[in-house]
PDB file of N, CA and C in Angstrom:
ATOM      1  N   UNK A   1       6.581  -7.124  -0.306  1.00  0.00           N
ATOM      2  CA  UNK A   1       5.570  -6.127  -0.682  1.00  0.00           C
ATOM      3  C   UNK A   1       6.224  -4.935  -1.380  1.00  0.00           C
ATOM      4  N   UNK A   2       5.734  -4.618  -2.560  1.00  0.00           N
ATOM      5  CA  UNK A   2       6.313  -3.515  -3.319  1.00  0.00           C
ATOM      6  C   UNK A   2       5.534  -2.226  -3.074  1.00  0.00           C
ATOM      7  N   UNK A   3       5.393  -1.886  -1.808  1.00  0.00           N
ATOM      8  CA  UNK A   3       4.640  -0.689  -1.460  1.00  0.00           C
ATOM      9  C   UNK A   3       5.555   0.531  -1.440  1.00  0.00           C
ATOM     10  N   UNK A   4       5.033   1.680  -1.799  1.00  0.00           N
ATOM     11  CA  UNK A   4       5.821   2.916  -1.816  1.00  0.00           C
ATOM     12  C   UNK A   4       6.232   3.319  -0.408  1.00  0.00           C
ATOM     13  N   UNK A   5       7.437   3.845  -0.268  1.00  0.00           N
ATOM     14  CA  UNK A   5       7.964   4.213   1.043  1.00  0.00           C
ATOM     15  C   UNK A   5       7.238   5.430   1.619  1.00  0.00           C
ATOM     16  N   UNK A   6       6.434   6.076   0.788  1.00  0.00           N
ATOM     17  CA  UNK A   6       5.705   7.270   1.235  1.00  0.00           C
ATOM     18  C   UNK A   6       4.720   6.922   2.345  1.00  0.00           C
ATOM     19  N   UNK A   7       4.055   5.790   2.194  1.00  0.00           N
ATOM     20  CA  UNK A   7       3.083   5.396   3.212  1.00  0.00           C
ATOM     21  C   UNK A   7       2.619   3.983   2.941  1.00  0.00           C
ATOM     22  N   UNK A   8       3.543   3.052   3.018  1.00  0.00           N
ATOM     23  CA  UNK A   8       3.224   1.661   2.718  1.00  0.00           C
ATOM     24  C   UNK A   8       2.166   1.140   3.687  1.00  0.00           C
ATOM     25  N   UNK A   9       2.252   1.573   4.936  1.00  0.00           N
ATOM     26  CA  UNK A   9       1.289   1.140   5.939  1.00  0.00           C
ATOM     27  C   UNK A   9      -0.092   1.726   5.649  1.00  0.00           C
ATOM     28  N   UNK A  10      -0.109   2.996   5.263  1.00  0.00           N
ATOM     29  CA  UNK A  10      -1.362   3.677   4.972  1.00  0.00           C
ATOM     30  C   UNK A  10      -2.034   3.059   3.757  1.00  0.00           C
ATOM     31  N   UNK A  11      -1.220   2.726   2.774  1.00  0.00           N
ATOM     32  CA  UNK A  11      -1.744   2.129   1.544  1.00  0.00           C
ATOM     33  C   UNK A  11      -2.346   0.766   1.821  1.00  0.00           C
ATOM     34  N   UNK A  12      -1.732   0.034   2.750  1.00  0.00           N
ATOM     35  CA  UNK A  12      -2.217  -1.294   3.084  1.00  0.00           C
ATOM     36  C   UNK A  12      -3.603  -1.198   3.699  1.00  0.00           C
ATOM     37  N   UNK A  13      -3.820  -0.134   4.460  1.00  0.00           N
ATOM     38  CA  UNK A  13      -5.105   0.038   5.135  1.00  0.00           C
ATOM     39  C   UNK A  13      -6.183   0.527   4.174  1.00  0.00           C
ATOM     40  N   UNK A  14      -5.785   1.462   3.295  1.00  0.00           N
ATOM     41  CA  UNK A  14      -6.743   2.077   2.381  1.00  0.00           C
ATOM     42  C   UNK A  14      -7.070   1.172   1.202  1.00  0.00           C
ATOM     43  N   UNK A  15      -6.036   0.633   0.577  1.00  0.00           N
ATOM     44  CA  UNK A  15      -6.235  -0.171  -0.629  1.00  0.00           C
ATOM     45  C   UNK A  15      -6.269  -1.662  -0.312  1.00  0.00           C
ATOM     46  N   UNK A  16      -5.232  -2.129   0.333  1.00  0.00           N
ATOM     47  CA  UNK A  16      -5.160  -3.554   0.631  1.00  0.00           C
ATOM     48  C   UNK A  16      -3.772  -4.092   0.325  1.00  0.00           C
ATOM     49  N   UNK A  17      -3.444  -5.268   0.819  1.00  0.00           N
ATOM     50  CA  UNK A  17      -2.131  -5.871   0.657  1.00  0.00           C
ATOM     51  C   UNK A  17      -1.836  -6.262  -0.793  1.00  0.00           C
ATOM     52  N   UNK A  18      -2.824  -6.186  -1.661  1.00  0.00           N
ATOM     53  CA  UNK A  18      -2.625  -6.593  -3.047  1.00  0.00           C
ATOM     54  C   UNK A  18      -3.064  -5.507  -4.013  1.00  0.00           C
ATOM     55  N   UNK A  19      -3.589  -4.398  -3.483  1.00  0.00           N
ATOM     56  CA  UNK A  19      -4.072  -3.321  -4.353  1.00  0.00           C
ATOM     57  C   UNK A  19      -3.413  -2.004  -3.983  1.00  0.00           C
ATOM     58  N   UNK A  20      -2.147  -2.089  -3.590  1.00  0.00           N
ATOM     59  CA  UNK A  20      -1.423  -0.884  -3.176  1.00  0.00           C
ATOM     60  C   UNK A  20      -1.157   0.025  -4.369  1.00  0.00           C
ATOM     61  N   UNK A  21      -0.957  -0.578  -5.531  1.00  0.00           N
ATOM     62  CA  UNK A  21      -0.606   0.199  -6.726  1.00  0.00           C
ATOM     63  C   UNK A  21      -1.803   0.963  -7.258  1.00  0.00           C
ATOM     64  N   UNK A  22      -2.999   0.606  -6.834  1.00  0.00           N
ATOM     65  CA  UNK A  22      -4.187   1.303  -7.342  1.00  0.00           C
ATOM     66  C   UNK A  22      -4.303   2.662  -6.652  1.00  0.00           C
TER      67      UNK A  22
END
């Protein structure tokens, strides 16, 4: 997963496992 270290977990919850970059 190429999620930002700022809040990869938060992004997963808000955007989704495939829409983190949005």
